[in-house]
PDB file of N, CA and C in Angstrom:
ATOM      1  N   MET A   1     -37.451  94.453 -91.898  1.00  0.00           N
ATOM      2  CA  MET A   1     -36.901  93.511 -92.923  1.00  0.00           C
ATOM      3  C   MET A   1     -35.596  93.193 -92.889  1.00  0.00           C
ATOM      4  N   ALA A   2     -35.836  92.181 -93.226  1.00  0.00           N
ATOM      5  CA  ALA A   2     -34.183  91.481 -93.149  1.00  0.00           C
ATOM      6  C   ALA A   2     -33.383  91.969 -94.477  1.00  0.00           C
ATOM      7  N   ARG A   3     -32.133  92.188 -93.805  1.00  0.00           N
ATOM      8  CA  ARG A   3     -30.993  92.542 -95.248  1.00  0.00           C
ATOM      9  C   ARG A   3     -30.637  91.133 -96.116  1.00  0.00           C
ATOM     10  N   THR A   4     -30.609  91.415 -97.325  1.00  0.00           N
ATOM     11  CA  THR A   4     -29.908  90.417 -98.205  1.00  0.00           C
ATOM     12  C   THR A   4     -28.621  89.956 -97.842  1.00  0.00           C
ATOM     13  N   PRO A   5     -28.227  88.862 -98.234  1.00  0.00           N
ATOM     14  CA  PRO A   5     -26.901  88.488 -98.315  1.00  0.00           C
ATOM     15  C   PRO A   5     -25.950  89.595 -98.515  1.00  0.00           C
ATOM     16  N   GLN A   6     -26.176  90.210-100.323  1.00  0.00           N
ATOM     17  CA  GLN A   6     -25.610  90.859-100.704  1.00  0.00           C
ATOM     18  C   GLN A   6     -25.431  92.186 -99.670  1.00  0.00           C
ATOM     19  N   GLN A   7     -26.317  92.772 -98.996  1.00  0.00           N
ATOM     20  CA  GLN A   7     -26.419  93.816 -98.324  1.00  0.00           C
ATOM     21  C   GLN A   7     -25.713  93.558 -96.912  1.00  0.00           C
ATOM     22  N   ILE A   8     -26.005  92.339 -96.656  1.00  0.00           N
ATOM     23  CA  ILE A   8     -24.846  92.103 -95.202  1.00  0.00           C
ATOM     24  C   ILE A   8     -23.431  92.336 -95.637  1.00  0.00           C
ATOM     25  N   PHE A   9     -22.912  91.147 -96.664  1.00  0.00           N
ATOM     26  CA  PHE A   9     -21.459  91.437 -97.208  1.00  0.00           C
ATOM     27  C   PHE A   9     -21.461  92.621 -97.513  1.00  0.00           C
ATOM     28  N   GLU A  10     -22.237  93.685 -97.867  1.00  0.00           N
ATOM     29  CA  GLU A  10     -21.434  95.128 -98.319  1.00  0.00           C
ATOM     30  C   GLU A  10     -20.846  95.698 -96.858  1.00  0.00           C
ATOM     31  N   HIS A  11     -22.193  95.629 -95.965  1.00  0.00           N
ATOM     32  CA  HIS A  11     -22.008  96.294 -94.458  1.00  0.00           C
ATOM     33  C   HIS A  11     -20.518  95.387 -94.240  1.00  0.00           C
ATOM     34  N   HIS A  12     -20.390  93.999 -94.165  1.00  0.00           N
ATOM     35  CA  HIS A  12     -19.394  93.760 -93.792  1.00  0.00           C
ATOM     36  C   HIS A  12     -17.889  94.008 -94.283  1.00  0.00           C
ATOM     37  N   ALA A  13     -17.957  94.083 -95.377  1.00  0.00           N
ATOM     38  CA  ALA A  13     -16.669  94.760 -96.037  1.00  0.00           C
ATOM     39  C   ALA A  13     -16.464  96.163 -95.918  1.00  0.00           C
ATOM     40  N   GLY A  14     -17.409  97.030 -95.650  1.00  0.00           N
ATOM     41  CA  GLY A  14     -17.146  98.427 -95.106  1.00  0.00           C
ATOM     42  C   GLY A  14     -16.322  98.201 -93.824  1.00  0.00           C
ATOM     43  N   ALA A  15     -17.092  97.643 -93.058  1.00  0.00           N
ATOM     44  CA  ALA A  15     -16.528  97.499 -91.638  1.00  0.00           C
ATOM     45  C   ALA A  15     -15.031  97.195 -91.636  1.00  0.00           C
ATOM     46  N   LEU A  16     -14.585  96.347 -92.470  1.00  0.00           N
ATOM     47  CA  LEU A  16     -13.174  95.336 -92.420  1.00  0.00           C
ATOM     48  C   LEU A  16     -12.536  96.454 -93.123  1.00  0.00           C
ATOM     49  N   ILE A  17     -12.866  96.788 -94.182  1.00  0.00           N
ATOM     50  CA  ILE A  17     -11.868  98.356 -94.555  1.00  0.00           C
ATOM     51  C   ILE A  17     -11.640  99.170 -93.787  1.00  0.00           C
ATOM     52  N   ALA A  18     -12.492  99.732 -92.677  1.00  0.00           N
ATOM     53  CA  ALA A  18     -12.643 100.870 -91.837  1.00  0.00           C
ATOM     54  C   ALA A  18     -11.814 100.226 -90.458  1.00  0.00           C
ATOM     55  N   GLY A  19     -11.798  98.775 -90.236  1.00  0.00           N
ATOM     56  CA  GLY A  19     -10.892  98.479 -89.013  1.00  0.00           C
ATOM     57  C   GLY A  19     -11.924  98.252 -88.139  1.00  0.00           C
ATOM     58  N   ASP A  20     -13.387  98.620 -88.354  1.00  0.00           N
ATOM     59  CA  ASP A  20     -14.276  98.413 -87.246  1.00  0.00           C
ATOM     60  C   ASP A  20     -14.374  97.263 -86.676  1.00  0.00           C
ATOM     61  N   VAL A  21     -14.265  96.702 -85.755  1.00  0.00           N
ATOM     62  CA  VAL A  21     -14.448  95.481 -85.263  1.00  0.00           C
ATOM     63  C   VAL A  21     -15.946  95.035 -84.892  1.00  0.00           C
ATOM     64  N   ASP A  22     -16.343  96.204 -84.174  1.00  0.00           N
ATOM     65  CA  ASP A  22     -17.354  95.859 -83.717  1.00  0.00           C
ATOM     66  C   ASP A  22     -18.611  95.865 -84.771  1.00  0.00           C
ATOM     67  N   GLY A  23     -18.057  96.401 -85.928  1.00  0.00           N
ATOM     68  CA  GLY A  23     -19.430  96.762 -87.027  1.00  0.00           C
ATOM     69  C   GLY A  23     -19.048  95.323 -87.795  1.00  0.00           C
ATOM     70  N   ILE A  24     -18.247  94.635 -87.979  1.00  0.00           N
ATOM     71  CA  ILE A  24     -17.794  93.333 -88.342  1.00  0.00           C
ATOM     72  C   ILE A  24     -18.740  92.225 -87.679  1.00  0.00           C
ATOM     73  N   VAL A  25     -18.230  92.481 -85.869  1.00  0.00           N
ATOM     74  CA  VAL A  25     -19.157  91.463 -85.477  1.00  0.00           C
ATOM     75  C   VAL A  25     -20.643  91.275 -85.264  1.00  0.00           C
ATOM     76  N   GLU A  26     -21.301  92.877 -85.539  1.00  0.00           N
ATOM     77  CA  GLU A  26     -22.614  92.604 -85.698  1.00  0.00           C
ATOM     78  C   GLU A  26     -23.095  92.065 -86.948  1.00  0.00           C
ATOM     79  N   ASP A  27     -22.823  91.902 -87.932  1.00  0.00           N
ATOM     80  CA  ASP A  27     -22.988  91.397 -89.016  1.00  0.00           C
ATOM     81  C   ASP A  27     -23.438  89.673 -88.792  1.00  0.00           C
ATOM     82  N   TYR A  28     -22.643  88.928 -87.612  1.00  0.00           N
ATOM     83  CA  TYR A  28     -22.806  87.344 -87.531  1.00  0.00           C
ATOM     84  C   TYR A  28     -23.840  87.260 -86.760  1.00  0.00           C
ATOM     85  N   THR A  29     -24.343  86.049 -86.652  1.00  0.00           N
ATOM     86  CA  THR A  29     -25.686  85.520 -85.897  1.00  0.00           C
ATOM     87  C   THR A  29     -24.908  85.139 -84.370  1.00  0.00           C
ATOM     88  N   ASP A  30     -25.543  85.004 -83.645  1.00  0.00           N
ATOM     89  CA  ASP A  30     -25.116  84.882 -81.998  1.00  0.00           C
ATOM     90  C   ASP A  30     -24.655  83.137 -81.896  1.00  0.00           C
ATOM     91  N   ASP A  31     -25.138  82.406 -82.695  1.00  0.00           N
ATOM     92  CA  ASP A  31     -24.333  81.198 -82.984  1.00  0.00           C
ATOM     93  C   ASP A  31     -23.808  80.739 -84.289  1.00  0.00           C
ATOM     94  N   ALA A  32     -22.950  81.706 -84.537  1.00  0.00           N
ATOM     95  CA  ALA A  32     -22.005  81.888 -85.661  1.00  0.00           C
ATOM     96  C   ALA A  32     -20.793  80.974 -85.636  1.00  0.00           C
ATOM     97  N   VAL A  33     -20.303  80.487 -86.644  1.00  0.00           N
ATOM     98  CA  VAL A  33     -19.405  79.121 -86.689  1.00  0.00           C
ATOM     99  C   VAL A  33     -18.322  79.774 -87.694  1.00  0.00           C
ATOM    100  N   PHE A  34     -17.106  80.016 -87.194  1.00  0.00           N
ATOM    101  CA  PHE A  34     -15.927  80.932 -88.128  1.00  0.00           C
ATOM    102  C   PHE A  34     -14.703  79.575 -88.081  1.00  0.00           C
ATOM    103  N   ILE A  35     -14.640  79.234 -89.188  1.00  0.00           N
ATOM    104  CA  ILE A  35     -13.764  77.868 -89.430  1.00  0.00           C
ATOM    105  C   ILE A  35     -12.498  78.366 -90.211  1.00  0.00           C
ATOM    106  N   THR A  36     -11.192  78.281 -89.857  1.00  0.00           N
ATOM    107  CA  THR A  36     -10.027  78.300 -90.152  1.00  0.00           C
ATOM    108  C   THR A  36      -9.058  77.300 -90.169  1.00  0.00           C
ATOM    109  N   PRO A  37      -7.838  77.296 -90.944  1.00  0.00           N
ATOM    110  CA  PRO A  37      -6.971  75.896 -90.394  1.00  0.00           C
ATOM    111  C   PRO A  37      -6.375  75.835 -89.417  1.00  0.00           C
ATOM    112  N   HIS A  38      -6.841  76.908 -88.554  1.00  0.00           N
ATOM    113  CA  HIS A  38      -5.985  76.913 -87.223  1.00  0.00           C
ATOM    114  C   HIS A  38      -7.239  76.387 -85.992  1.00  0.00           C
ATOM    115  N   GLY A  39      -8.732  76.206 -86.411  1.00  0.00           N
ATOM    116  CA  GLY A  39      -9.171  75.785 -85.729  1.00  0.00           C
ATOM    117  C   GLY A  39     -10.756  76.349 -85.908  1.00  0.00           C
ATOM    118  N   VAL A  40     -11.664  76.297 -84.984  1.00  0.00           N
ATOM    119  CA  VAL A  40     -13.045  76.504 -85.065  1.00  0.00           C
ATOM    120  C   VAL A  40     -13.327  77.526 -84.019  1.00  0.00           C
ATOM    121  N   ARG A  41     -14.358  78.755 -84.290  1.00  0.00           N
ATOM    122  CA  ARG A  41     -14.404  79.701 -83.306  1.00  0.00           C
ATOM    123  C   ARG A  41     -15.769  79.689 -83.296  1.00  0.00           C
ATOM    124  N   HIS A  42     -16.463  79.732 -82.125  1.00  0.00           N
ATOM    125  CA  HIS A  42     -18.297  79.946 -82.241  1.00  0.00           C
ATOM    126  C   HIS A  42     -18.572  81.399 -81.437  1.00  0.00           C
ATOM    127  N   GLY A  43     -19.614  81.868 -82.006  1.00  0.00           N
ATOM    128  CA  GLY A  43     -20.643  82.895 -81.429  1.00  0.00           C
ATOM    129  C   GLY A  43     -19.478  84.159 -81.975  1.00  0.00           C
ATOM    130  N   LYS A  44     -20.298  85.373 -81.364  1.00  0.00           N
ATOM    131  CA  LYS A  44     -20.054  86.574 -81.481  1.00  0.00           C
ATOM    132  C   LYS A  44     -18.423  86.966 -81.173  1.00  0.00           C
ATOM    133  N   ALA A  45     -18.272  86.062 -79.777  1.00  0.00           N
ATOM    134  CA  ALA A  45     -16.944  86.342 -79.207  1.00  0.00           C
ATOM    135  C   ALA A  45     -15.504  85.594 -80.078  1.00  0.00           C
ATOM    136  N   GLY A  46     -15.851  84.771 -80.277  1.00  0.00           N
ATOM    137  CA  GLY A  46     -15.038  83.778 -81.700  1.00  0.00           C
ATOM    138  C   GLY A  46     -15.030  84.785 -82.614  1.00  0.00           C
ATOM    139  N   VAL A  47     -15.806  85.258 -83.336  1.00  0.00           N
ATOM    140  CA  VAL A  47     -15.871  86.041 -84.667  1.00  0.00           C
ATOM    141  C   VAL A  47     -14.791  87.169 -83.779  1.00  0.00           C
ATOM    142  N   ARG A  48     -15.015  88.197 -82.696  1.00  0.00           N
ATOM    143  CA  ARG A  48     -14.332  89.282 -82.649  1.00  0.00           C
ATOM    144  C   ARG A  48     -12.883  88.799 -82.501  1.00  0.00           C
ATOM    145  N   GLU A  49     -12.549  87.480 -81.631  1.00  0.00           N
ATOM    146  CA  GLU A  49     -11.274  87.031 -81.809  1.00  0.00           C
ATOM    147  C   GLU A  49     -10.483  87.006 -82.969  1.00  0.00           C
ATOM    148  N   ALA A  50     -11.217  86.387 -84.081  1.00  0.00           N
ATOM    149  CA  ALA A  50     -10.771  86.206 -85.350  1.00  0.00           C
ATOM    150  C   ALA A  50     -10.072  87.125 -85.883  1.00  0.00           C
ATOM    151  N   PHE A  51     -11.031  88.397 -86.006  1.00  0.00           N
ATOM    152  CA  PHE A  51     -11.197  89.564 -86.520  1.00  0.00           C
ATOM    153  C   PHE A  51      -9.963  90.247 -86.233  1.00  0.00           C
ATOM    154  N   THR A  52      -9.930  90.411 -84.751  1.00  0.00           N
ATOM    155  CA  THR A  52      -9.041  91.285 -83.934  1.00  0.00           C
ATOM    156  C   THR A  52      -7.423  91.053 -84.367  1.00  0.00           C
ATOM    157  N   GLN A  53      -7.134  89.452 -84.289  1.00  0.00           N
ATOM    158  CA  GLN A  53      -6.290  88.848 -85.077  1.00  0.00           C
ATOM    159  C   GLN A  53      -5.591  89.190 -86.684  1.00  0.00           C
ATOM    160  N   LEU A  54      -6.719  89.154 -87.344  1.00  0.00           N
ATOM    161  CA  LEU A  54      -6.911  89.414 -88.797  1.00  0.00           C
ATOM    162  C   LEU A  54      -6.473  90.783 -89.036  1.00  0.00           C
ATOM    163  N   LEU A  55      -7.130  91.848 -88.384  1.00  0.00           N
ATOM    164  CA  LEU A  55      -6.662  93.150 -88.416  1.00  0.00           C
ATOM    165  C   LEU A  55      -5.289  93.334 -88.141  1.00  0.00           C
ATOM    166  N   ALA A  56      -5.045  92.459 -86.768  1.00  0.00           N
ATOM    167  CA  ALA A  56      -3.642  92.859 -85.987  1.00  0.00           C
ATOM    168  C   ALA A  56      -2.368  92.159 -87.171  1.00  0.00           C
ATOM    169  N   ASP A  57      -2.498  91.124 -88.071  1.00  0.00           N
ATOM    170  CA  ASP A  57      -1.907  90.547 -89.186  1.00  0.00           C
ATOM    171  C   ASP A  57      -1.348  91.354 -90.453  1.00  0.00           C
ATOM    172  N   LEU A  58      -2.505  92.465 -90.726  1.00  0.00           N
ATOM    173  CA  LEU A  58      -2.528  93.117 -91.890  1.00  0.00           C
ATOM    174  C   LEU A  58      -3.216  94.973 -91.286  1.00  0.00           C
ATOM    175  N   PRO A  59      -2.508  95.353 -90.680  1.00  0.00           N
ATOM    176  CA  PRO A  59      -2.992  96.540 -89.738  1.00  0.00           C
ATOM    177  C   PRO A  59      -3.113  97.694 -91.296  1.00  0.00           C
ATOM    178  N   ASP A  60      -4.120  98.554 -91.068  1.00  0.00           N
ATOM    179  CA  ASP A  60      -4.383  99.094 -92.200  1.00  0.00           C
ATOM    180  C   ASP A  60      -4.065  98.955 -93.602  1.00  0.00           C
ATOM    181  N   ALA A  61      -4.448  97.503 -94.287  1.00  0.00           N
ATOM    182  CA  ALA A  61      -4.289  96.983 -95.370  1.00  0.00           C
ATOM    183  C   ALA A  61      -5.136  97.742 -96.469  1.00  0.00           C
ATOM    184  N   LYS A  62      -4.504  97.407 -97.649  1.00  0.00           N
ATOM    185  CA  LYS A  62      -5.522  97.878 -98.825  1.00  0.00           C
ATOM    186  C   LYS A  62      -5.866  96.325 -99.339  1.00  0.00           C
ATOM    187  N   TRP A  63      -7.289  96.420 -98.955  1.00  0.00           N
ATOM    188  CA  TRP A  63      -8.088  95.030 -99.700  1.00  0.00           C
ATOM    189  C   TRP A  63      -8.367  95.122-100.926  1.00  0.00           C
ATOM    190  N   ASP A  64      -8.556  93.934-101.294  1.00  0.00           N
ATOM    191  CA  ASP A  64      -9.205  93.388-102.699  1.00  0.00           C
ATOM    192  C   ASP A  64      -9.781  92.375-102.839  1.00  0.00           C
ATOM    193  N   VAL A  65     -11.323  92.629-103.589  1.00  0.00           N
ATOM    194  CA  VAL A  65     -11.820  91.136-103.540  1.00  0.00           C
ATOM    195  C   VAL A  65     -12.622  91.111-104.771  1.00  0.00           C
ATOM    196  N   PRO A  66     -11.469  90.381-105.780  1.00  0.00           N
ATOM    197  CA  PRO A  66     -11.900  90.135-107.055  1.00  0.00           C
ATOM    198  C   PRO A  66     -12.872  89.100-107.349  1.00  0.00           C
ATOM    199  N   THR A  67     -13.439  88.139-106.652  1.00  0.00           N
ATOM    200  CA  THR A  67     -13.951  87.265-106.617  1.00  0.00           C
ATOM    201  C   THR A  67     -15.058  87.497-105.948  1.00  0.00           C
ATOM    202  N   GLN A  68     -16.462  87.624-106.421  1.00  0.00           N
ATOM    203  CA  GLN A  68     -17.668  87.482-105.396  1.00  0.00           C
ATOM    204  C   GLN A  68     -18.571  86.463-106.129  1.00  0.00           C
ATOM    205  N   ILE A  69     -18.926  85.404-105.783  1.00  0.00           N
ATOM    206  CA  ILE A  69     -20.214  84.561-106.354  1.00  0.00           C
ATOM    207  C   ILE A  69     -21.154  84.307-105.104  1.00  0.00           C
ATOM    208  N   PHE A  70     -22.238  84.672-105.527  1.00  0.00           N
ATOM    209  CA  PHE A  70     -23.539  84.503-104.432  1.00  0.00           C
ATOM    210  C   PHE A  70     -24.308  83.451-105.290  1.00  0.00           C
ATOM    211  N   GLU A  71     -24.928  82.557-104.813  1.00  0.00           N
ATOM    212  CA  GLU A  71     -26.198  81.503-104.846  1.00  0.00           C
ATOM    213  C   GLU A  71     -26.605  81.398-103.649  1.00  0.00           C
ATOM    214  N   LYS A  72     -27.579  82.230-103.705  1.00  0.00           N
ATOM    215  CA  LYS A  72     -28.964  81.866-102.677  1.00  0.00           C
ATOM    216  C   LYS A  72     -28.350  82.493-101.511  1.00  0.00           C
ATOM    217  N   ASN A  73     -28.252  81.759-100.557  1.00  0.00           N
ATOM    218  CA  ASN A  73     -27.565  82.367 -99.292  1.00  0.00           C
ATOM    219  C   ASN A  73     -26.009  81.986 -99.145  1.00  0.00           C
ATOM    220  N   VAL A  74     -25.203  81.413 -99.914  1.00  0.00           N
ATOM    221  CA  VAL A  74     -23.925  81.137-100.116  1.00  0.00           C
ATOM    222  C   VAL A  74     -23.204  82.063-100.853  1.00  0.00           C
ATOM    223  N   LEU A  75     -21.934  82.666-100.074  1.00  0.00           N
ATOM    224  CA  LEU A  75     -20.929  83.727-100.909  1.00  0.00           C
ATOM    225  C   LEU A  75     -19.553  82.980-101.258  1.00  0.00           C
ATOM    226  N   PHE A  76     -18.966  82.848-102.007  1.00  0.00           N
ATOM    227  CA  PHE A  76     -17.581  82.201-102.165  1.00  0.00           C
ATOM    228  C   PHE A  76     -17.017  83.731-102.527  1.00  0.00           C
ATOM    229  N   ILE A  77     -15.832  83.849-102.122  1.00  0.00           N
ATOM    230  CA  ILE A  77     -14.851  85.152-102.233  1.00  0.00           C
ATOM    231  C   ILE A  77     -13.361  84.692-102.413  1.00  0.00           C
ATOM    232  N   THR A  78     -12.613  85.267-103.588  1.00  0.00           N
ATOM    233  CA  THR A  78     -11.063  85.394-103.150  1.00  0.00           C
ATOM    234  C   THR A  78     -10.855  86.740-102.814  1.00  0.00           C
ATOM    235  N   TRP A  79      -9.597  86.859-102.210  1.00  0.00           N
ATOM    236  CA  TRP A  79      -9.358  88.329-101.544  1.00  0.00           C
ATOM    237  C   TRP A  79      -7.654  88.752-101.200  1.00  0.00           C
ATOM    238  N   SER A  80      -7.296  89.260-101.409  1.00  0.00           N
ATOM    239  CA  SER A  80      -5.764  89.875-100.944  1.00  0.00           C
ATOM    240  C   SER A  80      -6.125  90.872-100.277  1.00  0.00           C
ATOM    241  N   ALA A  81      -4.760  91.043 -99.231  1.00  0.00           N
ATOM    242  CA  ALA A  81      -4.740  92.467 -98.642  1.00  0.00           C
ATOM    243  C   ALA A  81      -3.434  92.924 -98.561  1.00  0.00           C
ATOM    244  N   VAL A  82      -2.902  94.076 -98.301  1.00  0.00           N
ATOM    245  CA  VAL A  82      -1.276  94.367 -98.383  1.00  0.00           C
ATOM    246  C   VAL A  82      -1.389  95.547 -97.417  1.00  0.00           C
ATOM    247  N   SER A  83      -0.576  95.339 -96.570  1.00  0.00           N
ATOM    248  CA  SER A  83      -0.458  96.392 -95.360  1.00  0.00           C
ATOM    249  C   SER A  83       1.474  96.644 -95.761  1.00  0.00           C
ATOM    250  N   ALA A  84       1.880  97.461 -94.816  1.00  0.00           N
ATOM    251  CA  ALA A  84       2.927  97.972 -94.649  1.00  0.00           C
ATOM    252  C   ALA A  84       4.325  96.583 -94.120  1.00  0.00           C
ATOM    253  N   SER A  85       3.796  96.064 -93.412  1.00  0.00           N
ATOM    254  CA  SER A  85       5.046  95.099 -93.072  1.00  0.00           C
ATOM    255  C   SER A  85       4.131  93.321 -93.824  1.00  0.00           C
ATOM    256  N   GLN A  86       3.128  93.091 -93.753  1.00  0.00           N
ATOM    257  CA  GLN A  86       3.012  91.934 -94.443  1.00  0.00           C
ATOM    258  C   GLN A  86       1.637  91.587 -95.418  1.00  0.00           C
ATOM    259  N   GLN A  87       1.407  90.759 -96.108  1.00  0.00           N
ATOM    260  CA  GLN A  87       0.281  90.636 -97.126  1.00  0.00           C
ATOM    261  C   GLN A  87      -0.111  88.974 -96.997  1.00  0.00           C
ATOM    262  N   ALA A  88      -1.247  89.369 -97.680  1.00  0.00           N
ATOM    263  CA  ALA A  88      -2.080  88.132 -97.919  1.00  0.00           C
ATOM    264  C   ALA A  88      -2.375  88.085 -99.645  1.00  0.00           C
ATOM    265  N   LEU A  89      -2.137  87.162-100.238  1.00  0.00           N
ATOM    266  CA  LEU A  89      -2.227  87.406-101.811  1.00  0.00           C
ATOM    267  C   LEU A  89      -3.348  86.106-101.988  1.00  0.00           C
ATOM    268  N   ASP A  90      -3.765  85.576-101.274  1.00  0.00           N
ATOM    269  CA  ASP A  90      -3.990  84.049-101.314  1.00  0.00           C
ATOM    270  C   ASP A  90      -5.432  84.039-100.766  1.00  0.00           C
ATOM    271  N   GLY A  91      -6.283  84.863-100.236  1.00  0.00           N
ATOM    272  CA  GLY A  91      -7.171  84.891 -99.115  1.00  0.00           C
ATOM    273  C   GLY A  91      -8.427  84.054-100.136  1.00  0.00           C
ATOM    274  N   VAL A  92      -9.151  83.018 -99.420  1.00  0.00           N
ATOM    275  CA  VAL A  92     -10.455  82.467 -99.876  1.00  0.00           C
ATOM    276  C   VAL A  92     -10.982  82.528 -98.613  1.00  0.00           C
ATOM    277  N   ASP A  93     -12.491  82.805 -98.678  1.00  0.00           N
ATOM    278  CA  ASP A  93     -13.636  82.597 -98.113  1.00  0.00           C
ATOM    279  C   ASP A  93     -14.918  82.155 -98.372  1.00  0.00           C
ATOM    280  N   THR A  94     -15.429  81.640 -97.645  1.00  0.00           N
ATOM    281  CA  THR A  94     -17.076  80.940 -98.162  1.00  0.00           C
ATOM    282  C   THR A  94     -17.985  81.905 -96.514  1.00  0.00           C
ATOM    283  N   PHE A  95     -19.125  82.253 -97.144  1.00  0.00           N
ATOM    284  CA  PHE A  95     -20.050  82.566 -96.332  1.00  0.00           C
ATOM    285  C   PHE A  95     -21.338  81.666 -96.689  1.00  0.00           C
ATOM    286  N   VAL A  96     -21.778  81.234 -95.292  1.00  0.00           N
ATOM    287  CA  VAL A  96     -23.300  80.857 -95.347  1.00  0.00           C
ATOM    288  C   VAL A  96     -24.206  82.216 -94.494  1.00  0.00           C
ATOM    289  N   PHE A  97     -25.195  82.642 -94.955  1.00  0.00           N
ATOM    290  CA  PHE A  97     -26.071  83.545 -94.280  1.00  0.00           C
ATOM    291  C   PHE A  97     -27.240  83.156 -93.919  1.00  0.00           C
ATOM    292  N   ASP A  98     -27.910  83.618 -92.588  1.00  0.00           N
ATOM    293  CA  ASP A  98     -29.178  83.043 -92.166  1.00  0.00           C
ATOM    294  C   ASP A  98     -29.243  84.206 -91.268  1.00  0.00           C
ATOM    295  N   ASP A  99     -30.568  83.959 -90.813  1.00  0.00           N
ATOM    296  CA  ASP A  99     -31.373  85.068 -89.822  1.00  0.00           C
ATOM    297  C   ASP A  99     -30.681  86.350 -90.000  1.00  0.00           C
ATOM    298  N   ASP A 100     -30.575  87.114 -91.118  1.00  0.00           N
ATOM    299  CA  ASP A 100     -29.929  88.242 -91.192  1.00  0.00           C
ATOM    300  C   ASP A 100     -28.859  88.441 -90.836  1.00  0.00           C
ATOM    301  N   GLY A 101     -27.830  87.245 -90.906  1.00  0.00           N
ATOM    302  CA  GLY A 101     -26.433  87.285 -90.724  1.00  0.00           C
ATOM    303  C   GLY A 101     -25.859  86.298 -90.969  1.00  0.00           C
ATOM    304  N   ILE A 102     -24.547  86.569 -90.977  1.00  0.00           N
ATOM    305  CA  ILE A 102     -23.773  85.325 -91.101  1.00  0.00           C
ATOM    306  C   ILE A 102     -23.299  84.349 -90.194  1.00  0.00           C
ATOM    307  N   ARG A 103     -23.867  83.045 -90.734  1.00  0.00           N
ATOM    308  CA  ARG A 103     -24.189  81.811 -89.933  1.00  0.00           C
ATOM    309  C   ARG A 103     -22.773  81.175 -89.722  1.00  0.00           C
ATOM    310  N   VAL A 104     -22.048  80.963 -90.662  1.00  0.00           N
ATOM    311  CA  VAL A 104     -21.055  80.223 -91.231  1.00  0.00           C
ATOM    312  C   VAL A 104     -19.690  80.935 -92.190  1.00  0.00           C
ATOM    313  N   GLN A 105     -18.681  80.751 -91.967  1.00  0.00           N
ATOM    314  CA  GLN A 105     -17.521  81.393 -92.688  1.00  0.00           C
ATOM    315  C   GLN A 105     -16.562  80.937 -92.472  1.00  0.00           C
ATOM    316  N   THR A 106     -16.055  80.339 -93.419  1.00  0.00           N
ATOM    317  CA  THR A 106     -14.414  79.792 -93.469  1.00  0.00           C
ATOM    318  C   THR A 106     -13.705  80.778 -94.436  1.00  0.00           C
ATOM    319  N   VAL A 107     -12.224  80.596 -93.717  1.00  0.00           N
ATOM    320  CA  VAL A 107     -11.599  81.590 -93.943  1.00  0.00           C
ATOM    321  C   VAL A 107      -9.936  80.558 -94.188  1.00  0.00           C
ATOM    322  N   ARG A 108      -9.341  80.944 -95.290  1.00  0.00           N
ATOM    323  CA  ARG A 108      -7.783  80.500 -95.599  1.00  0.00           C
ATOM    324  C   ARG A 108      -7.016  81.535 -96.221  1.00  0.00           C
ATOM    325  N   TYR A 109      -6.401  82.073 -95.535  1.00  0.00           N
ATOM    326  CA  TYR A 109      -5.057  83.159 -95.997  1.00  0.00           C
ATOM    327  C   TYR A 109      -3.619  82.608 -95.967  1.00  0.00           C
ATOM    328  N   THR A 110      -2.574  83.301 -96.810  1.00  0.00           N
ATOM    329  CA  THR A 110      -1.024  82.855 -96.295  1.00  0.00           C
ATOM    330  C   THR A 110      -0.791  84.351 -95.763  1.00  0.00           C
ATOM    331  N   LEU A 111      -0.064  84.328 -94.617  1.00  0.00           N
ATOM    332  CA  LEU A 111       0.612  85.618 -94.348  1.00  0.00           C
ATOM    333  C   LEU A 111       2.140  85.541 -94.565  1.00  0.00           C
ATOM    334  N   GLU A 112       2.652  86.575 -95.509  1.00  0.00           N
ATOM    335  CA  GLU A 112       3.823  86.972 -96.052  1.00  0.00           C
ATOM    336  C   GLU A 112       4.775  88.407 -95.641  1.00  0.00           C
ATOM    337  N   SER A 113       5.574  88.513 -95.541  1.00  0.00           N
ATOM    338  CA  SER A 113       6.369  89.499 -95.124  1.00  0.00           C
ATOM    339  C   SER A 113       6.263  90.296 -96.145  1.00  0.00           C
ATOM    340  N   THR A 114       6.256  91.709 -96.155  1.00  0.00           N
ATOM    341  CA  THR A 114       6.176  92.565 -97.561  1.00  0.00           C
ATOM    342  C   THR A 114       7.507  93.255 -97.440  1.00  0.00           C
ATOM    343  N   THR A 115       8.381  93.196 -96.517  1.00  0.00           N
ATOM    344  CA  THR A 115       9.651  93.619 -96.567  1.00  0.00           C
ATOM    345  C   THR A 115      10.729  92.614 -96.784  1.00  0.00           C
TER     346      THR A 115
END
């Protein structure tokens, strides 16, 4: 039975908070597209690369997702993450779900030093 977009995102958020890159990647389709201001990454390998960098940028961060708006298979979120050395207070993502996974994600955030 296929998971709903809400169930997929719930798993995704839990894996992100735990720093579980394998768990994050399993929520994406094989042909996923991950778009950032720095370029486009493709497939699970591209998603792994992007989240490895994000978790390195914000190690052991405290995450907050104050906005979650679902419309059918699309999700819009705003988020912030604060770690000991860096923070991102202006995160904005959009997800498109398909085939029991995340098919497209856009991500934008600004890294700032917390020191």
